[in-house]
Protein backbone atom coordinates (compact mmCIF):
# COMPACT_ATOMS: atom_id res chain seq x y z
CA UNK A 1 16.20 -5.04 6.32
CA UNK A 2 13.20 -5.29 4.03
CA UNK A 3 12.15 -7.27 0.97
CA UNK A 4 9.11 -6.03 -0.94
CA UNK A 5 7.29 -8.10 -3.56
CA UNK A 6 4.31 -7.15 -5.71
CA UNK A 7 2.45 -10.09 -7.24
CA UNK A 8 -0.98 -11.06 -8.54
CA UNK A 9 -3.20 -13.82 -7.22
CA UNK A 10 -6.17 -15.29 -9.05
CA UNK A 11 -9.28 -15.81 -6.94
CA UNK A 12 -12.08 -17.99 -8.21
CA UNK A 13 -15.60 -17.19 -6.99
CA UNK A 14 -18.38 -19.75 -7.41
CA UNK A 15 -22.00 -18.66 -7.17
CA UNK A 16 -24.85 -21.04 -6.47
CA UNK A 17 -28.09 -20.30 -8.36
CA UNK A 18 -31.13 -19.16 -6.39
CA UNK A 19 -33.46 -21.08 -8.67
CA UNK A 20 -33.38 -24.82 -9.38
CA UNK A 21 -32.25 -26.02 -12.79
CA UNK A 22 -29.64 -23.28 -13.30
CA UNK A 23 -25.89 -23.93 -13.47
CA UNK A 24 -23.31 -22.61 -11.00
CA UNK A 25 -21.52 -19.48 -12.20
CA UNK A 26 -17.75 -19.29 -11.79
CA UNK A 27 -15.84 -16.01 -11.99
CA UNK A 28 -12.07 -15.55 -11.78
CA UNK A 29 -10.56 -12.24 -10.72
CA UNK A 30 -6.96 -11.14 -10.35
CA UNK A 31 -6.01 -9.34 -7.13
CA UNK A 32 -2.77 -7.42 -6.53
CA UNK A 33 -0.78 -8.61 -3.52
CA UNK A 34 1.89 -6.57 -1.71
CA UNK A 35 4.18 -8.67 0.48
CA UNK A 36 6.61 -6.92 2.83
CA UNK A 37 9.12 -8.98 4.81
CA UNK A 38 10.88 -7.14 7.66
CA UNK A 39 13.85 -8.45 9.59
CA UNK A 40 16.44 -7.21 12.06
CA UNK A 41 18.80 -9.77 10.53
CA UNK A 42 20.23 -9.34 7.00
CA UNK A 43 18.10 -10.76 4.19
CA UNK A 44 18.98 -11.82 0.63
CA UNK A 45 20.63 -8.70 -0.83
CA UNK A 46 20.40 -10.12 -4.36
CA UNK A 47 16.56 -9.99 -4.23
CA UNK A 48 15.15 -7.25 -6.50
CA UNK A 49 12.94 -5.92 -3.70
CA UNK A 50 15.69 -5.69 -1.06
CA UNK A 51 16.08 -2.44 0.91
CA UNK A 52 18.79 -2.07 3.50
CA UNK A 53 18.20 -0.13 6.72
CA UNK A 54 19.00 3.58 6.77
CA UNK A 55 22.13 4.67 8.61
CA UNK A 56 21.71 4.88 12.40
CA UNK A 57 22.80 8.55 12.31
CA UNK A 58 19.66 9.43 10.28
CA UNK A 59 17.28 8.00 12.91
CA UNK A 60 15.85 10.45 15.46
CA UNK A 61 13.67 9.85 18.49
CA UNK A 62 10.24 11.52 18.56
CA UNK A 63 7.74 11.75 21.38
CA UNK A 64 4.00 10.95 21.20
CA UNK A 65 3.06 14.64 20.95
CA UNK A 66 5.24 15.14 17.89
CA UNK A 67 3.68 12.09 16.19
CA UNK A 68 0.15 13.48 16.59
CA UNK A 69 0.90 16.97 15.24
CA UNK A 70 -0.69 17.70 11.85
CA UNK A 71 1.85 17.62 9.04
CA UNK A 72 -0.34 19.06 6.30
CA UNK A 73 0.76 21.21 3.41
CA UNK A 74 -0.38 24.42 5.07
CA UNK A 75 -2.96 26.90 3.85
CA UNK A 76 -1.25 28.17 0.73
CA UNK A 77 -1.93 31.60 -0.75
CA UNK A 78 -5.11 30.72 -2.70
CA UNK A 79 -6.61 28.31 -0.17
CA UNK A 80 -7.51 25.74 -2.81
CA UNK A 81 -9.69 28.03 -4.96
CA UNK A 82 -9.65 27.31 -8.67
CA UNK A 83 -8.13 29.75 -11.13
CA UNK A 84 -9.96 28.59 -14.25
CA UNK A 85 -11.44 30.90 -16.91
CA UNK A 86 -14.51 32.87 -15.94
CA UNK A 87 -13.79 32.89 -12.23
């Protein structure tokens, strides 16, 4: 079971001046926060970010070798060369 939330958090930075007689500078910035709560026990299904586990029949065991194999897109027929005008 999983609940995912995307929020913003304001962070206030305060900078001390290097020279005497100058005021402190304060800057506020907004940072995106992704919160993921995982549980083996059921969570609040009415939460907008709730995701239930996939069916057990869709889960397959993999060994370490299979996890380290490259899973790229392959070479493709043009090998990434552009096809723009004048080429």
